[in-house]
């Protein structure tokens, strides 16, 4: 048994108990649909058809792996590509996909806003828009790490 000498003289502090804040459960299918929508933004029918072929190939490749048997994200991505292809096929020629005008995306955002607890509005309610593609967890208005830019004509201060 190791003891500090002199007794009771230790520079280590006892660890504080860590309590995790409650978080919303992760939904891999929802994540997959959002990834597809971000990737499909601005694509026309031909580009969506090529992406759908690639998604089908990925699904065939994944079906050969035992550890991916219970994966829900891959089939959700494939289904979303198929839905987007059908949406663009029904649209006039030359139409590109825009998730902001997609009725399914609008309905999901409205359902998310309605399901948000009263004390904590969803990002769509706070910002009036969808989250930025670089941030899947927070919207730009709630980023605590953002700093205001320096006033024009001044040098930013550098601290060491």
Protein backbone atom coordinates (compact mmCIF):
# COMPACT_ATOMS: atom_id res chain seq x y z
CA UNK A 1 0.00 0.00 0.00
CA UNK A 2 1.38 3.36 -1.03
CA UNK A 3 1.06 6.31 1.30
CA UNK A 4 1.86 9.93 0.75
CA UNK A 5 4.50 11.35 3.01
CA UNK A 6 3.86 13.27 5.17
CA UNK A 7 0.50 11.69 5.89
CA UNK A 8 -2.50 13.67 4.65
CA UNK A 9 -0.40 15.80 2.29
CA UNK A 10 -1.69 15.09 -1.17
CA UNK A 11 -2.01 17.27 -4.21
CA UNK A 12 -4.82 15.14 -5.60
CA UNK A 13 -8.39 16.21 -5.07
CA UNK A 14 -11.25 13.77 -4.91
CA UNK A 15 -13.15 13.56 -8.15
CA UNK A 16 -16.51 15.26 -8.27
CA UNK A 17 -19.39 13.01 -9.21
CA UNK A 18 -20.32 13.50 -12.85
CA UNK A 19 -23.95 13.61 -13.76
CA UNK A 20 -24.82 13.40 -17.42
CA UNK A 21 -27.53 15.68 -18.68
CA UNK A 22 -30.46 13.88 -20.24
CA UNK A 23 -30.14 13.75 -24.02
CA UNK A 24 -32.50 12.80 -26.76
CA UNK A 25 -31.95 9.24 -27.96
CA UNK A 26 -29.98 8.74 -31.16
CA UNK A 27 -32.05 7.70 -34.16
CA UNK A 28 -29.73 6.31 -36.87
CA UNK A 29 -32.53 6.27 -39.46
CA UNK A 30 -33.22 9.96 -38.90
CA UNK A 31 -29.52 10.74 -39.17
CA UNK A 32 -29.33 8.79 -42.43
CA UNK A 33 -32.30 10.66 -43.92
CA UNK A 34 -30.76 14.02 -42.99
CA UNK A 35 -27.40 13.06 -44.51
CA UNK A 36 -29.12 12.10 -47.76
CA UNK A 37 -31.10 15.35 -47.85
CA UNK A 38 -27.98 17.45 -47.34
CA UNK A 39 -26.18 15.50 -50.06
CA UNK A 40 -29.11 15.72 -52.49
CA UNK A 41 -29.57 19.47 -52.14
CA UNK A 42 -29.14 21.04 -55.58
CA UNK A 43 -29.08 17.70 -57.44
CA UNK A 44 -31.13 17.15 -60.58
CA UNK A 45 -32.80 13.92 -61.68
CA UNK A 46 -29.66 12.46 -63.27
CA UNK A 47 -27.47 13.08 -60.24
CA UNK A 48 -30.10 11.64 -57.91
CA UNK A 49 -30.39 8.52 -60.12
CA UNK A 50 -26.60 8.03 -59.93
CA UNK A 51 -26.64 8.47 -56.16
CA UNK A 52 -29.54 6.01 -55.90
CA UNK A 53 -27.56 3.42 -57.88
CA UNK A 54 -24.64 3.90 -55.51
CA UNK A 55 -26.94 3.54 -52.49
CA UNK A 56 -28.34 0.32 -53.93
CA UNK A 57 -24.82 -1.00 -54.45
CA UNK A 58 -23.96 -0.09 -50.84
CA UNK A 59 -27.08 -1.91 -49.64
CA UNK A 60 -26.09 -5.05 -51.58
CA UNK A 61 -22.56 -4.89 -50.19
CA UNK A 62 -23.84 -4.37 -46.64
CA UNK A 63 -26.20 -7.36 -46.96
CA UNK A 64 -23.14 -9.60 -47.12
CA UNK A 65 -21.88 -8.55 -43.71
CA UNK A 66 -23.34 -10.17 -40.65
CA UNK A 67 -22.54 -7.26 -38.34
CA UNK A 68 -24.66 -4.89 -40.49
CA UNK A 69 -27.78 -7.06 -40.35
CA UNK A 70 -29.48 -4.86 -37.74
CA UNK A 71 -28.32 -1.57 -39.29
CA UNK A 72 -31.26 0.80 -39.83
CA UNK A 73 -29.36 3.74 -41.26
CA UNK A 74 -28.46 2.10 -44.59
CA UNK A 75 -32.03 1.08 -45.51
CA UNK A 76 -33.30 4.50 -44.38
CA UNK A 77 -30.79 6.23 -46.66
CA UNK A 78 -31.79 3.99 -49.58
CA UNK A 79 -35.48 4.68 -48.98
CA UNK A 80 -34.82 8.43 -48.82
CA UNK A 81 -32.93 8.36 -52.14
CA UNK A 82 -35.84 6.46 -53.70
CA UNK A 83 -38.33 8.99 -52.31
CA UNK A 84 -36.31 11.93 -53.62
CA UNK A 85 -36.06 10.27 -57.04
CA UNK A 86 -39.85 9.84 -57.13
CA UNK A 87 -40.32 13.45 -56.01
CA UNK A 88 -38.09 14.76 -58.82
CA UNK A 89 -39.67 12.41 -61.39
CA UNK A 90 -43.06 13.99 -60.65
CA UNK A 91 -41.62 17.53 -60.88
CA UNK A 92 -41.11 19.45 -64.12
CA UNK A 93 -37.87 18.73 -66.04
CA UNK A 94 -34.82 20.64 -64.82
CA UNK A 95 -36.03 20.79 -61.20
CA UNK A 96 -33.37 20.40 -58.52
CA UNK A 97 -33.97 19.02 -55.05
CA UNK A 98 -34.35 21.54 -52.26
CA UNK A 99 -35.08 20.22 -48.75
CA UNK A 100 -36.57 23.59 -47.76
CA UNK A 101 -39.46 23.04 -50.18
CA UNK A 102 -39.84 19.29 -49.56
CA UNK A 103 -43.24 18.65 -47.92
CA UNK A 104 -41.95 15.60 -46.00
CA UNK A 105 -39.10 17.62 -44.47
CA UNK A 106 -41.51 20.45 -43.56
CA UNK A 107 -43.83 17.95 -41.85
CA UNK A 108 -40.92 16.43 -39.88
CA UNK A 109 -39.78 19.87 -38.71
CA UNK A 110 -43.30 20.79 -37.64
CA UNK A 111 -43.66 17.49 -35.74
CA UNK A 112 -40.29 18.08 -34.06
CA UNK A 113 -41.32 21.60 -33.05
CA UNK A 114 -44.64 20.34 -31.68
CA UNK A 115 -42.92 17.56 -29.70
CA UNK A 116 -40.37 19.90 -28.11
CA UNK A 117 -40.88 20.48 -24.39
CA UNK A 118 -42.53 23.83 -23.60
CA UNK A 119 -39.47 25.21 -21.80
CA UNK A 120 -37.03 24.29 -24.55
CA UNK A 121 -38.00 25.20 -28.10
CA UNK A 122 -36.50 23.26 -30.98
CA UNK A 123 -33.79 24.73 -33.16
CA UNK A 124 -36.30 25.27 -35.97
CA UNK A 125 -38.48 27.34 -33.63
CA UNK A 126 -35.57 29.38 -32.23
CA UNK A 127 -33.92 30.18 -35.53
CA UNK A 128 -36.81 29.88 -37.93
CA UNK A 129 -34.73 27.56 -40.09
CA UNK A 130 -33.10 24.19 -40.17
CA UNK A 131 -29.74 23.58 -38.45
CA UNK A 132 -26.65 24.36 -40.48
CA UNK A 133 -25.11 21.33 -42.25
CA UNK A 134 -21.89 21.66 -40.25
CA UNK A 135 -23.73 21.48 -36.96
CA UNK A 136 -26.19 18.68 -36.43
CA UNK A 137 -26.60 19.36 -32.72
CA UNK A 138 -26.86 23.15 -32.43
CA UNK A 139 -27.99 26.07 -34.44
CA UNK A 140 -25.81 29.12 -35.00
CA UNK A 141 -27.64 31.27 -32.45
CA UNK A 142 -26.90 28.89 -29.58
CA UNK A 143 -23.17 28.38 -30.19
CA UNK A 144 -21.46 29.39 -26.92
CA UNK A 145 -18.00 29.35 -28.51
CA UNK A 146 -18.72 31.99 -31.14
CA UNK A 147 -17.05 35.35 -30.59
CA UNK A 148 -17.99 38.68 -32.10
CA UNK A 149 -15.65 39.85 -34.82
CA UNK A 150 -13.55 42.94 -34.08
CA UNK A 151 -14.85 46.32 -35.11
CA UNK A 152 -13.80 47.47 -38.58
CA UNK A 153 -10.49 49.27 -38.64
CA UNK A 154 -9.23 47.71 -35.37
CA UNK A 155 -6.70 44.99 -34.83
CA UNK A 156 -7.81 41.87 -32.99
CA UNK A 157 -6.10 41.56 -29.63
CA UNK A 158 -3.77 38.64 -29.13
CA UNK A 159 -3.42 37.28 -25.62
CA UNK A 160 -0.91 34.69 -24.53
